[in-house]
Every structure is written in C-alpha cells, then in structure tokens.
Amino acid sequence: MLLTVIALPVSDSKEQTEEKQDLTENTESCEGDRTLLEAKLESILENTEGVGKVQVLLMTGEGKQGFYGTENTEVTGVLIAAEGADNSVTVQNIQQAVMALFQIEAHKIKIMKMK
C-alpha cells in the first residue's frame, strides 16, 4: 500500500497581518523622510540667490547612509527643476550643494530649467 502525504505550510493570519502592517509603516516612514528632505532642499534652494522657484524629486534606496535618524535611507538620484537653471553658475552652485549634502556624484544629479 502506497501512502502519499502532502504538507502545506500554514501561517497564522495574525502574523501575516502584522508583517504587512510593519512593511506598510516602514514604506510610509521612508516616503515621509523623502518628502521632508525634498521640502527642506526646496526651501534652502529657493532662498539662495539666483535659483528662484524650484521643485525637487529625490530617488532613494536602502543603504548605509542615513538622514534625520533613518538609517536605511540613501539618496541615489536628484532631479531639480529651477527657474534660475538658465545660468551656468547657478546650476553649478545647486549641483555642488546637492553633492555635498547627499554625498552623491554629479552624474546622479539633473538640474533643468523650469518653464
């Protein structure tokens, strides 16, 4: 007589709910940190001579570098639209500020003229 046993993993639905909740909270926390950084960078740049109005988008990933108490947030790319981006000195100043602030290379920063 041949006996076949099929075993399926069973997990507690409470554990799954808690894991999903933790993942959602971590995602929201990273998103909130990124938004805070974008807002702070926009504020600083808009108060810099020649820059004018700006919009900032930060691309983030997980890494060793941390900002404002978040140990897993690393800025991996920056996109900036600025009114003053038609001036090469202004663009260079923005780029140098972002490089110093986030410790990223120039090729990971794109600065465009805002229409």
PDB file of N, CA and C in Angstrom:
ATOM      1  N   MET A   1       0.838  -1.168   0.000  1.00  0.00           N
ATOM      2  CA  MET A   1       0.000   0.000   0.000  1.00  0.00           C
ATOM      3  C   MET A   1       0.892   1.243   0.000  1.00  0.00           C
ATOM      4  N   LEU A   2       0.634   2.178  -0.913  1.00  0.00           N
ATOM      5  CA  LEU A   2       1.424   3.403  -1.056  1.00  0.00           C
ATOM      6  C   LEU A   2       0.665   4.545  -0.390  1.00  0.00           C
ATOM      7  N   LEU A   3       1.313   5.243   0.496  1.00  0.00           N
ATOM      8  CA  LEU A   3       0.686   6.340   1.215  1.00  0.00           C
ATOM      9  C   LEU A   3       1.378   7.636   0.798  1.00  0.00           C
ATOM     10  N   THR A   4       0.625   8.610   0.345  1.00  0.00           N
ATOM     11  CA  THR A   4       1.166   9.901  -0.067  1.00  0.00           C
ATOM     12  C   THR A   4       0.736  10.948   0.944  1.00  0.00           C
ATOM     13  N   VAL A   5       1.710  11.710   1.394  1.00  0.00           N
ATOM     14  CA  VAL A   5       1.423  12.763   2.354  1.00  0.00           C
ATOM     15  C   VAL A   5       1.746  14.097   1.692  1.00  0.00           C
ATOM     16  N   ILE A   6       0.811  14.970   1.742  1.00  0.00           N
ATOM     17  CA  ILE A   6       1.011  16.315   1.201  1.00  0.00           C
ATOM     18  C   ILE A   6       0.981  17.277   2.374  1.00  0.00           C
ATOM     19  N   ALA A   7       2.045  18.053   2.503  1.00  0.00           N
ATOM     20  CA  ALA A   7       2.129  19.015   3.601  1.00  0.00           C
ATOM     21  C   ALA A   7       2.145  20.419   3.023  1.00  0.00           C
ATOM     22  N   LEU A   8       1.279  21.250   3.516  1.00  0.00           N
ATOM     23  CA  LEU A   8       1.213  22.646   3.090  1.00  0.00           C
ATOM     24  C   LEU A   8       1.554  23.528   4.276  1.00  0.00           C
ATOM     25  N   PRO A   9       2.392  24.531   4.051  1.00  0.00           N
ATOM     26  CA  PRO A   9       2.718  25.418   5.172  1.00  0.00           C
ATOM     27  C   PRO A   9       1.490  26.239   5.555  1.00  0.00           C
ATOM     28  N   VAL A  10       1.283  26.337   6.818  1.00  0.00           N
ATOM     29  CA  VAL A  10       0.155  27.111   7.323  1.00  0.00           C
ATOM     30  C   VAL A  10       0.725  28.194   8.213  1.00  0.00           C
ATOM     31  N   SER A  11       0.316  29.420   7.949  1.00  0.00           N
ATOM     32  CA  SER A  11       0.791  30.506   8.802  1.00  0.00           C
ATOM     33  C   SER A  11      -0.399  31.180   9.451  1.00  0.00           C
ATOM     34  N   ASP A  12      -0.136  31.726  10.575  1.00  0.00           N
ATOM     35  CA  ASP A  12      -1.168  32.417  11.322  1.00  0.00           C
ATOM     36  C   ASP A  12      -1.530  33.704  10.592  1.00  0.00           C
ATOM     37  N   SER A  13      -2.791  33.938  10.349  1.00  0.00           N
ATOM     38  CA  SER A  13      -3.205  35.139   9.626  1.00  0.00           C
ATOM     39  C   SER A  13      -2.863  36.397  10.412  1.00  0.00           C
ATOM     40  N   LYS A  14      -2.797  36.287  11.725  1.00  0.00           N
ATOM     41  CA  LYS A  14      -2.406  37.429  12.553  1.00  0.00           C
ATOM     42  C   LYS A  14      -0.960  37.821  12.255  1.00  0.00           C
ATOM     43  N   GLU A  15      -0.071  36.820  12.093  1.00  0.00           N
ATOM     44  CA  GLU A  15       1.330  37.096  11.757  1.00  0.00           C
ATOM     45  C   GLU A  15       1.440  37.780  10.402  1.00  0.00           C
ATOM     46  N   GLN A  16       0.671  37.298   9.424  1.00  0.00           N
ATOM     47  CA  GLN A  16       0.697  37.907   8.089  1.00  0.00           C
ATOM     48  C   GLN A  16       0.227  39.343   8.154  1.00  0.00           C
ATOM     49  N   THR A  17      -0.812  39.609   8.914  1.00  0.00           N
ATOM     50  CA  THR A  17      -1.335  40.962   9.040  1.00  0.00           C
ATOM     51  C   THR A  17      -0.297  41.875   9.676  1.00  0.00           C
ATOM     52  N   GLU A  18       0.371  41.382  10.728  1.00  0.00           N
ATOM     53  CA  GLU A  18       1.402  42.182  11.392  1.00  0.00           C
ATOM     54  C   GLU A  18       2.575  42.458  10.468  1.00  0.00           C
ATOM     55  N   GLU A  19       2.994  41.454   9.671  1.00  0.00           N
ATOM     56  CA  GLU A  19       4.103  41.644   8.736  1.00  0.00           C
ATOM     57  C   GLU A  19       3.746  42.682   7.677  1.00  0.00           C
ATOM     58  N   LYS A  20       2.521  42.607   7.153  1.00  0.00           N
ATOM     59  CA  LYS A  20       2.081  43.590   6.151  1.00  0.00           C
ATOM     60  C   LYS A  20       2.024  44.980   6.749  1.00  0.00           C
ATOM     61  N   GLN A  21       1.552  45.073   8.002  1.00  0.00           N
ATOM     62  CA  GLN A  21       1.463  46.367   8.667  1.00  0.00           C
ATOM     63  C   GLN A  21       2.859  46.951   8.878  1.00  0.00           C
ATOM     64  N   ASP A  22       3.818  46.125   9.321  1.00  0.00           N
ATOM     65  CA  ASP A  22       5.188  46.589   9.506  1.00  0.00           C
ATOM     66  C   ASP A  22       5.787  47.083   8.196  1.00  0.00           C
ATOM     67  N   LEU A  23       5.563  46.351   7.108  1.00  0.00           N
ATOM     68  CA  LEU A  23       6.075  46.739   5.801  1.00  0.00           C
ATOM     69  C   LEU A  23       5.468  48.065   5.360  1.00  0.00           C
ATOM     70  N   THR A  24       4.162  48.223   5.569  1.00  0.00           N
ATOM     71  CA  THR A  24       3.480  49.471   5.201  1.00  0.00           C
ATOM     72  C   THR A  24       4.017  50.634   6.012  1.00  0.00           C
ATOM     73  N   GLU A  25       4.208  50.437   7.319  1.00  0.00           N
ATOM     74  CA  GLU A  25       4.730  51.505   8.171  1.00  0.00           C
ATOM     75  C   GLU A  25       6.142  51.895   7.760  1.00  0.00           C
ATOM     76  N   ASN A  26       6.988  50.919   7.446  1.00  0.00           N
ATOM     77  CA  ASN A  26       8.357  51.213   7.012  1.00  0.00           C
ATOM     78  C   ASN A  26       8.360  51.970   5.697  1.00  0.00           C
ATOM     79  N   THR A  27       7.503  51.577   4.756  1.00  0.00           N
ATOM     80  CA  THR A  27       7.408  52.256   3.468  1.00  0.00           C
ATOM     81  C   THR A  27       6.941  53.689   3.654  1.00  0.00           C
ATOM     82  N   GLU A  28       5.916  53.869   4.487  1.00  0.00           N
ATOM     83  CA  GLU A  28       5.402  55.213   4.735  1.00  0.00           C
ATOM     84  C   GLU A  28       6.442  56.072   5.432  1.00  0.00           C
ATOM     85  N   SER A  29       7.209  55.483   6.341  1.00  0.00           N
ATOM     86  CA  SER A  29       8.253  56.218   7.040  1.00  0.00           C
ATOM     87  C   SER A  29       9.315  56.697   6.064  1.00  0.00           C
ATOM     88  N   CYS A  30       9.766  55.825   5.173  1.00  0.00           N
ATOM     89  CA  CYS A  30      10.766  56.212   4.171  1.00  0.00           C
ATOM     90  C   CYS A  30      10.208  57.286   3.254  1.00  0.00           C
ATOM     91  N   GLU A  31       8.951  57.132   2.860  1.00  0.00           N
ATOM     92  CA  GLU A  31       8.309  58.110   1.980  1.00  0.00           C
ATOM     93  C   GLU A  31       8.208  59.458   2.689  1.00  0.00           C
ATOM     94  N   GLY A  32       7.865  59.435   3.973  1.00  0.00           N
ATOM     95  CA  GLY A  32       7.769  60.674   4.734  1.00  0.00           C
ATOM     96  C   GLY A  32       9.109  61.354   4.878  1.00  0.00           C
ATOM     97  N   ASP A  33      10.165  60.582   5.100  1.00  0.00           N
ATOM     98  CA  ASP A  33      11.504  61.140   5.204  1.00  0.00           C
ATOM     99  C   ASP A  33      11.933  61.775   3.894  1.00  0.00           C
ATOM    100  N   ARG A  34      11.626  61.103   2.796  1.00  0.00           N
ATOM    101  CA  ARG A  34      11.996  61.617   1.487  1.00  0.00           C
ATOM    102  C   ARG A  34      11.275  62.930   1.227  1.00  0.00           C
ATOM    103  N   THR A  35       9.995  62.997   1.542  1.00  0.00           N
ATOM    104  CA  THR A  35       9.223  64.209   1.340  1.00  0.00           C
ATOM    105  C   THR A  35       9.768  65.337   2.205  1.00  0.00           C
ATOM    106  N   LEU A  36      10.144  65.036   3.433  1.00  0.00           N
ATOM    107  CA  LEU A  36      10.731  66.033   4.320  1.00  0.00           C
ATOM    108  C   LEU A  36      12.040  66.564   3.740  1.00  0.00           C
ATOM    109  N   LEU A  37      12.865  65.657   3.231  1.00  0.00           N
ATOM    110  CA  LEU A  37      14.128  66.079   2.625  1.00  0.00           C
ATOM    111  C   LEU A  37      13.890  66.940   1.394  1.00  0.00           C
ATOM    112  N   GLU A  38      12.917  66.539   0.564  1.00  0.00           N
ATOM    113  CA  GLU A  38      12.602  67.331  -0.628  1.00  0.00           C
ATOM    114  C   GLU A  38      12.157  68.732  -0.232  1.00  0.00           C
ATOM    115  N   ALA A  39      11.288  68.825   0.759  1.00  0.00           N
ATOM    116  CA  ALA A  39      10.786  70.126   1.199  1.00  0.00           C
ATOM    117  C   ALA A  39      11.910  70.999   1.755  1.00  0.00           C
ATOM    118  N   LYS A  40      12.788  70.401   2.538  1.00  0.00           N
ATOM    119  CA  LYS A  40      13.898  71.173   3.106  1.00  0.00           C
ATOM    120  C   LYS A  40      14.852  71.646   2.015  1.00  0.00           C
ATOM    121  N   LEU A  41      15.147  70.782   1.060  1.00  0.00           N
ATOM    122  CA  LEU A  41      16.039  71.168  -0.036  1.00  0.00           C
ATOM    123  C   LEU A  41      15.410  72.266  -0.884  1.00  0.00           C
ATOM    124  N   GLU A  42      14.112  72.140  -1.171  1.00  0.00           N
ATOM    125  CA  GLU A  42      13.416  73.189  -1.923  1.00  0.00           C
ATOM    126  C   GLU A  42      13.488  74.516  -1.190  1.00  0.00           C
ATOM    127  N   SER A  43      13.249  74.506   0.108  1.00  0.00           N
ATOM    128  CA  SER A  43      13.281  75.732   0.907  1.00  0.00           C
ATOM    129  C   SER A  43      14.657  76.384   0.877  1.00  0.00           C
ATOM    130  N   ILE A  44      15.686  75.583   1.051  1.00  0.00           N
ATOM    131  CA  ILE A  44      17.055  76.121   1.037  1.00  0.00           C
ATOM    132  C   ILE A  44      17.391  76.700  -0.331  1.00  0.00           C
ATOM    133  N   LEU A  45      17.085  75.959  -1.388  1.00  0.00           N
ATOM    134  CA  LEU A  45      17.431  76.423  -2.731  1.00  0.00           C
ATOM    135  C   LEU A  45      16.649  77.683  -3.112  1.00  0.00           C
ATOM    136  N   GLU A  46      15.361  77.747  -2.742  1.00  0.00           N
ATOM    137  CA  GLU A  46      14.560  78.924  -3.086  1.00  0.00           C
ATOM    138  C   GLU A  46      15.047  80.177  -2.372  1.00  0.00           C
ATOM    139  N   ASN A  47      15.746  80.000  -1.266  1.00  0.00           N
ATOM    140  CA  ASN A  47      16.300  81.137  -0.533  1.00  0.00           C
ATOM    141  C   ASN A  47      17.746  81.423  -0.911  1.00  0.00           C
ATOM    142  N   THR A  48      18.210  80.799  -1.979  1.00  0.00           N
ATOM    143  CA  THR A  48      19.554  81.024  -2.482  1.00  0.00           C
ATOM    144  C   THR A  48      19.477  81.966  -3.679  1.00  0.00           C
ATOM    145  N   GLU A  49      20.377  82.924  -3.720  1.00  0.00           N
ATOM    146  CA  GLU A  49      20.369  83.933  -4.779  1.00  0.00           C
ATOM    147  C   GLU A  49      20.468  83.297  -6.167  1.00  0.00           C
ATOM    148  N   GLY A  50      19.572  83.697  -7.053  1.00  0.00           N
ATOM    149  CA  GLY A  50      19.612  83.285  -8.443  1.00  0.00           C
ATOM    150  C   GLY A  50      18.838  82.024  -8.768  1.00  0.00           C
ATOM    151  N   VAL A  51      18.430  81.266  -7.767  1.00  0.00           N
ATOM    152  CA  VAL A  51      17.767  79.990  -8.024  1.00  0.00           C
ATOM    153  C   VAL A  51      16.307  80.172  -8.380  1.00  0.00           C
ATOM    154  N   GLY A  52      15.597  81.005  -7.645  1.00  0.00           N
ATOM    155  CA  GLY A  52      14.171  81.196  -7.890  1.00  0.00           C
ATOM    156  C   GLY A  52      13.346  80.022  -7.395  1.00  0.00           C
ATOM    157  N   LYS A  53      12.192  79.844  -8.003  1.00  0.00           N
ATOM    158  CA  LYS A  53      11.289  78.760  -7.614  1.00  0.00           C
ATOM    159  C   LYS A  53      11.884  77.420  -8.044  1.00  0.00           C
ATOM    160  N   VAL A  54      11.746  76.382  -7.196  1.00  0.00           N
ATOM    161  CA  VAL A  54      12.282  75.060  -7.515  1.00  0.00           C
ATOM    162  C   VAL A  54      11.287  73.961  -7.172  1.00  0.00           C
ATOM    163  N   GLN A  55      11.475  72.839  -7.830  1.00  0.00           N
ATOM    164  CA  GLN A  55      10.801  71.600  -7.481  1.00  0.00           C
ATOM    165  C   GLN A  55      11.872  70.527  -7.410  1.00  0.00           C
ATOM    166  N   VAL A  56      11.802  69.677  -6.384  1.00  0.00           N
ATOM    167  CA  VAL A  56      12.832  68.670  -6.140  1.00  0.00           C
ATOM    168  C   VAL A  56      12.196  67.290  -6.085  1.00  0.00           C
ATOM    169  N   LEU A  57      12.855  66.327  -6.730  1.00  0.00           N
ATOM    170  CA  LEU A  57      12.464  64.924  -6.633  1.00  0.00           C
ATOM    171  C   LEU A  57      13.703  64.132  -6.245  1.00  0.00           C
ATOM    172  N   LEU A  58      13.616  63.425  -5.131  1.00  0.00           N
ATOM    173  CA  LEU A  58      14.723  62.597  -4.667  1.00  0.00           C
ATOM    174  C   LEU A  58      14.394  61.141  -4.911  1.00  0.00           C
ATOM    175  N   MET A  59      15.349  60.432  -5.486  1.00  0.00           N
ATOM    176  CA  MET A  59      15.216  58.986  -5.630  1.00  0.00           C
ATOM    177  C   MET A  59      15.995  58.379  -4.471  1.00  0.00           C
ATOM    178  N   THR A  60      15.378  57.430  -3.796  1.00  0.00           N
ATOM    179  CA  THR A  60      16.023  56.839  -2.631  1.00  0.00           C
ATOM    180  C   THR A  60      16.090  55.329  -2.755  1.00  0.00           C
ATOM    181  N   GLY A  61      17.020  54.761  -2.031  1.00  0.00           N
ATOM    182  CA  GLY A  61      17.170  53.324  -1.948  1.00  0.00           C
ATOM    183  C   GLY A  61      17.669  52.988  -0.569  1.00  0.00           C
ATOM    184  N   GLU A  62      17.763  51.716  -0.277  1.00  0.00           N
ATOM    185  CA  GLU A  62      18.263  51.318   1.033  1.00  0.00           C
ATOM    186  C   GLU A  62      19.773  51.257   0.999  1.00  0.00           C
ATOM    187  N   GLY A  63      20.394  51.734   2.045  1.00  0.00           N
ATOM    188  CA  GLY A  63      21.849  51.729   2.098  1.00  0.00           C
ATOM    189  C   GLY A  63      22.334  52.027   3.491  1.00  0.00           C
ATOM    190  N   LYS A  64      23.626  52.259   3.606  1.00  0.00           N
ATOM    191  CA  LYS A  64      24.234  52.505   4.905  1.00  0.00           C
ATOM    192  C   LYS A  64      24.070  53.943   5.350  1.00  0.00           C
ATOM    193  N   GLN A  65      23.924  54.836   4.402  1.00  0.00           N
ATOM    194  CA  GLN A  65      23.861  56.252   4.708  1.00  0.00           C
ATOM    195  C   GLN A  65      22.510  56.585   5.309  1.00  0.00           C
ATOM    196  N   GLY A  66      22.477  57.418   6.334  1.00  0.00           N
ATOM    197  CA  GLY A  66      21.217  57.759   6.970  1.00  0.00           C
ATOM    198  C   GLY A  66      21.028  59.251   7.095  1.00  0.00           C
ATOM    199  N   PHE A  67      19.801  59.703   7.055  1.00  0.00           N
ATOM    200  CA  PHE A  67      19.479  61.116   7.185  1.00  0.00           C
ATOM    201  C   PHE A  67      18.372  61.266   8.211  1.00  0.00           C
ATOM    202  N   TYR A  68      18.515  62.236   9.094  1.00  0.00           N
ATOM    203  CA  TYR A  68      17.491  62.576  10.068  1.00  0.00           C
ATOM    204  C   TYR A  68      16.993  61.348  10.825  1.00  0.00           C
ATOM    205  N   GLY A  69      17.923  60.513  11.259  1.00  0.00           N
ATOM    206  CA  GLY A  69      17.569  59.375  12.087  1.00  0.00           C
ATOM    207  C   GLY A  69      17.119  58.146  11.343  1.00  0.00           C
ATOM    208  N   THR A  70      17.056  58.179  10.017  1.00  0.00           N
ATOM    209  CA  THR A  70      16.665  56.990   9.270  1.00  0.00           C
ATOM    210  C   THR A  70      17.934  56.332   8.771  1.00  0.00           C
ATOM    211  N   GLU A  71      18.203  55.163   9.268  1.00  0.00           N
ATOM    212  CA  GLU A  71      19.457  54.500   8.952  1.00  0.00           C
ATOM    213  C   GLU A  71      19.445  53.820   7.591  1.00  0.00           C
ATOM    214  N   ASN A  72      18.284  53.616   6.991  1.00  0.00           N
ATOM    215  CA  ASN A  72      18.212  52.855   5.751  1.00  0.00           C
ATOM    216  C   ASN A  72      17.909  53.703   4.521  1.00  0.00           C
ATOM    217  N   THR A  73      17.834  55.005   4.644  1.00  0.00           N
ATOM    218  CA  THR A  73      17.509  55.844   3.507  1.00  0.00           C
ATOM    219  C   THR A  73      18.776  56.417   2.895  1.00  0.00           C
ATOM    220  N   GLU A  74      18.963  56.172   1.609  1.00  0.00           N
ATOM    221  CA  GLU A  74      20.106  56.712   0.880  1.00  0.00           C
ATOM    222  C   GLU A  74      19.578  57.389  -0.370  1.00  0.00           C
ATOM    223  N   VAL A  75      19.978  58.621  -0.597  1.00  0.00           N
ATOM    224  CA  VAL A  75      19.578  59.330  -1.811  1.00  0.00           C
ATOM    225  C   VAL A  75      20.457  58.816  -2.942  1.00  0.00           C
ATOM    226  N   THR A  76      19.811  58.304  -3.998  1.00  0.00           N
ATOM    227  CA  THR A  76      20.545  57.720  -5.113  1.00  0.00           C
ATOM    228  C   THR A  76      20.472  58.576  -6.372  1.00  0.00           C
ATOM    229  N   GLY A  77      19.595  59.554  -6.387  1.00  0.00           N
ATOM    230  CA  GLY A  77      19.479  60.439  -7.533  1.00  0.00           C
ATOM    231  C   GLY A  77      18.646  61.651  -7.187  1.00  0.00           C
ATOM    232  N   VAL A  78      18.923  62.777  -7.853  1.00  0.00           N
ATOM    233  CA  VAL A  78      18.213  64.018  -7.581  1.00  0.00           C
ATOM    234  C   VAL A  78      17.833  64.675  -8.899  1.00  0.00           C
ATOM    235  N   LEU A  79      16.569  65.077  -8.990  1.00  0.00           N
ATOM    236  CA  LEU A  79      16.077  65.829 -10.138  1.00  0.00           C
ATOM    237  C   LEU A  79      15.551  67.157  -9.620  1.00  0.00           C
ATOM    238  N   ILE A  80      16.064  68.244 -10.185  1.00  0.00           N
ATOM    239  CA  ILE A  80      15.665  69.581  -9.747  1.00  0.00           C
ATOM    240  C   ILE A  80      15.257  70.403 -10.952  1.00  0.00           C
ATOM    241  N   ALA A  81      14.078  71.009 -10.867  1.00  0.00           N
ATOM    242  CA  ALA A  81      13.644  71.992 -11.862  1.00  0.00           C
ATOM    243  C   ALA A  81      13.716  73.347 -11.165  1.00  0.00           C
ATOM    244  N   ALA A  82      14.487  74.274 -11.747  1.00  0.00           N
ATOM    245  CA  ALA A  82      14.687  75.574 -11.117  1.00  0.00           C
ATOM    246  C   ALA A  82      14.516  76.687 -12.144  1.00  0.00           C
ATOM    247  N   GLU A  83      13.928  77.785 -11.697  1.00  0.00           N
ATOM    248  CA  GLU A  83      13.762  78.937 -12.587  1.00  0.00           C
ATOM    249  C   GLU A  83      15.113  79.494 -13.032  1.00  0.00           C
ATOM    250  N   GLY A  84      16.082  79.476 -12.146  1.00  0.00           N
ATOM    251  CA  GLY A  84      17.394  80.058 -12.446  1.00  0.00           C
ATOM    252  C   GLY A  84      18.362  79.121 -13.134  1.00  0.00           C
ATOM    253  N   ALA A  85      17.872  77.982 -13.628  1.00  0.00           N
ATOM    254  CA  ALA A  85      18.771  76.987 -14.218  1.00  0.00           C
ATOM    255  C   ALA A  85      19.305  77.382 -15.589  1.00  0.00           C
ATOM    256  N   ASP A  86      18.927  78.538 -16.106  1.00  0.00           N
ATOM    257  CA  ASP A  86      19.499  79.001 -17.363  1.00  0.00           C
ATOM    258  C   ASP A  86      20.859  79.661 -17.146  1.00  0.00           C
ATOM    259  N   ASN A  87      21.237  79.880 -15.883  1.00  0.00           N
ATOM    260  CA  ASN A  87      22.520  80.469 -15.530  1.00  0.00           C
ATOM    261  C   ASN A  87      23.463  79.347 -15.103  1.00  0.00           C
ATOM    262  N   SER A  88      24.581  79.206 -15.800  1.00  0.00           N
ATOM    263  CA  SER A  88      25.507  78.098 -15.527  1.00  0.00           C
ATOM    264  C   SER A  88      26.113  78.160 -14.129  1.00  0.00           C
ATOM    265  N   VAL A  89      26.324  79.355 -13.601  1.00  0.00           N
ATOM    266  CA  VAL A  89      26.868  79.487 -12.248  1.00  0.00           C
ATOM    267  C   VAL A  89      25.849  78.995 -11.224  1.00  0.00           C
ATOM    268  N   THR A  90      24.595  79.332 -11.434  1.00  0.00           N
ATOM    269  CA  THR A  90      23.532  78.877 -10.538  1.00  0.00           C
ATOM    270  C   THR A  90      23.423  77.360 -10.568  1.00  0.00           C
ATOM    271  N   VAL A  91      23.470  76.772 -11.760  1.00  0.00           N
ATOM    272  CA  VAL A  91      23.405  75.319 -11.899  1.00  0.00           C
ATOM    273  C   VAL A  91      24.575  74.665 -11.163  1.00  0.00           C
ATOM    274  N   GLN A  92      25.757  75.216 -11.318  1.00  0.00           N
ATOM    275  CA  GLN A  92      26.934  74.671 -10.647  1.00  0.00           C
ATOM    276  C   GLN A  92      26.792  74.771  -9.126  1.00  0.00           C
ATOM    277  N   ASN A  93      26.259  75.895  -8.637  1.00  0.00           N
ATOM    278  CA  ASN A  93      26.060  76.061  -7.194  1.00  0.00           C
ATOM    279  C   ASN A  93      25.053  75.045  -6.647  1.00  0.00           C
ATOM    280  N   ILE A  94      23.965  74.836  -7.385  1.00  0.00           N
ATOM    281  CA  ILE A  94      22.958  73.849  -6.972  1.00  0.00           C
ATOM    282  C   ILE A  94      23.594  72.462  -6.943  1.00  0.00           C
ATOM    283  N   GLN A  95      24.309  72.133  -7.993  1.00  0.00           N
ATOM    284  CA  GLN A  95      24.925  70.812  -8.098  1.00  0.00           C
ATOM    285  C   GLN A  95      25.917  70.569  -6.965  1.00  0.00           C
ATOM    286  N   GLN A  96      26.741  71.543  -6.669  1.00  0.00           N
ATOM    287  CA  GLN A  96      27.721  71.394  -5.594  1.00  0.00           C
ATOM    288  C   GLN A  96      27.049  71.255  -4.233  1.00  0.00           C
ATOM    289  N   ALA A  97      25.969  71.986  -4.031  1.00  0.00           N
ATOM    290  CA  ALA A  97      25.240  71.885  -2.763  1.00  0.00           C
ATOM    291  C   ALA A  97      24.639  70.496  -2.586  1.00  0.00           C
ATOM    292  N   VAL A  98      24.048  69.966  -3.647  1.00  0.00           N
ATOM    293  CA  VAL A  98      23.436  68.635  -3.583  1.00  0.00           C
ATOM    294  C   VAL A  98      24.503  67.562  -3.400  1.00  0.00           C
ATOM    295  N   MET A  99      25.620  67.700  -4.084  1.00  0.00           N
ATOM    296  CA  MET A  99      26.718  66.739  -3.932  1.00  0.00           C
ATOM    297  C   MET A  99      27.224  66.716  -2.492  1.00  0.00           C
ATOM    298  N   ALA A 100      27.366  67.884  -1.895  1.00  0.00           N
ATOM    299  CA  ALA A 100      27.859  67.966  -0.522  1.00  0.00           C
ATOM    300  C   ALA A 100      26.833  67.434   0.473  1.00  0.00           C
ATOM    301  N   LEU A 101      25.579  67.744   0.243  1.00  0.00           N
ATOM    302  CA  LEU A 101      24.528  67.352   1.171  1.00  0.00           C
ATOM    303  C   LEU A 101      24.274  65.851   1.187  1.00  0.00           C
ATOM    304  N   PHE A 102      24.204  65.247   0.002  1.00  0.00           N
ATOM    305  CA  PHE A 102      23.831  63.834  -0.092  1.00  0.00           C
ATOM    306  C   PHE A 102      25.001  62.904  -0.417  1.00  0.00           C
ATOM    307  N   GLN A 103      26.204  63.460  -0.575  1.00  0.00           N
ATOM    308  CA  GLN A 103      27.389  62.652  -0.870  1.00  0.00           C
ATOM    309  C   GLN A 103      27.176  61.754  -2.096  1.00  0.00           C
ATOM    310  N   ILE A 104      26.673  62.369  -3.188  1.00  0.00           N
ATOM    311  CA  ILE A 104      26.478  61.634  -4.436  1.00  0.00           C
ATOM    312  C   ILE A 104      27.256  62.307  -5.551  1.00  0.00           C
ATOM    313  N   GLU A 105      27.528  61.558  -6.611  1.00  0.00           N
ATOM    314  CA  GLU A 105      28.297  62.061  -7.732  1.00  0.00           C
ATOM    315  C   GLU A 105      27.442  62.975  -8.612  1.00  0.00           C
ATOM    316  N   ALA A 106      28.129  63.815  -9.371  1.00  0.00           N
ATOM    317  CA  ALA A 106      27.461  64.795 -10.232  1.00  0.00           C
ATOM    318  C   ALA A 106      26.549  64.140 -11.267  1.00  0.00           C
ATOM    319  N   HIS A 107      26.926  62.964 -11.784  1.00  0.00           N
ATOM    320  CA  HIS A 107      26.115  62.334 -12.819  1.00  0.00           C
ATOM    321  C   HIS A 107      24.782  61.800 -12.284  1.00  0.00           C
ATOM    322  N   LYS A 108      24.597  61.831 -10.967  1.00  0.00           N
ATOM    323  CA  LYS A 108      23.329  61.396 -10.380  1.00  0.00           C
ATOM    324  C   LYS A 108      22.415  62.577 -10.055  1.00  0.00           C
ATOM    325  N   ILE A 109      22.820  63.762 -10.524  1.00  0.00           N
ATOM    326  CA  ILE A 109      22.055  64.976 -10.287  1.00  0.00           C
ATOM    327  C   ILE A 109      21.690  65.590 -11.636  1.00  0.00           C
ATOM    328  N   LYS A 110      20.423  65.873 -11.840  1.00  0.00           N
ATOM    329  CA  LYS A 110      19.970  66.529 -13.067  1.00  0.00           C
ATOM    330  C   LYS A 110      19.247  67.802 -12.681  1.00  0.00           C
ATOM    331  N   ILE A 111      19.715  68.927 -13.230  1.00  0.00           N
ATOM    332  CA  ILE A 111      19.117  70.223 -12.965  1.00  0.00           C
ATOM    333  C   ILE A 111      18.591  70.770 -14.273  1.00  0.00           C
ATOM    334  N   MET A 112      17.301  71.106 -14.297  1.00  0.00           N
ATOM    335  CA  MET A 112      16.639  71.574 -15.516  1.00  0.00           C
ATOM    336  C   MET A 112      16.027  72.940 -15.307  1.00  0.00           C
ATOM    337  N   LYS A 113      15.871  73.674 -16.400  1.00  0.00           N
ATOM    338  CA  LYS A 113      15.227  74.989 -16.391  1.00  0.00           C
ATOM    339  C   LYS A 113      13.725  74.800 -16.249  1.00  0.00           C
ATOM    340  N   MET A 114      13.146  75.481 -15.268  1.00  0.00           N
ATOM    341  CA  MET A 114      11.703  75.434 -15.060  1.00  0.00           C
ATOM    342  C   MET A 114      11.034  76.384 -16.038  1.00  0.00           C
ATOM    343  N   LYS A 115       9.937  75.957 -16.629  1.00  0.00           N
ATOM    344  CA  LYS A 115       9.252  76.851 -17.593  1.00  0.00           C
ATOM    345  C   LYS A 115       8.312  77.793 -16.918  1.00  0.00           C
TER     346      LYS A 115
END
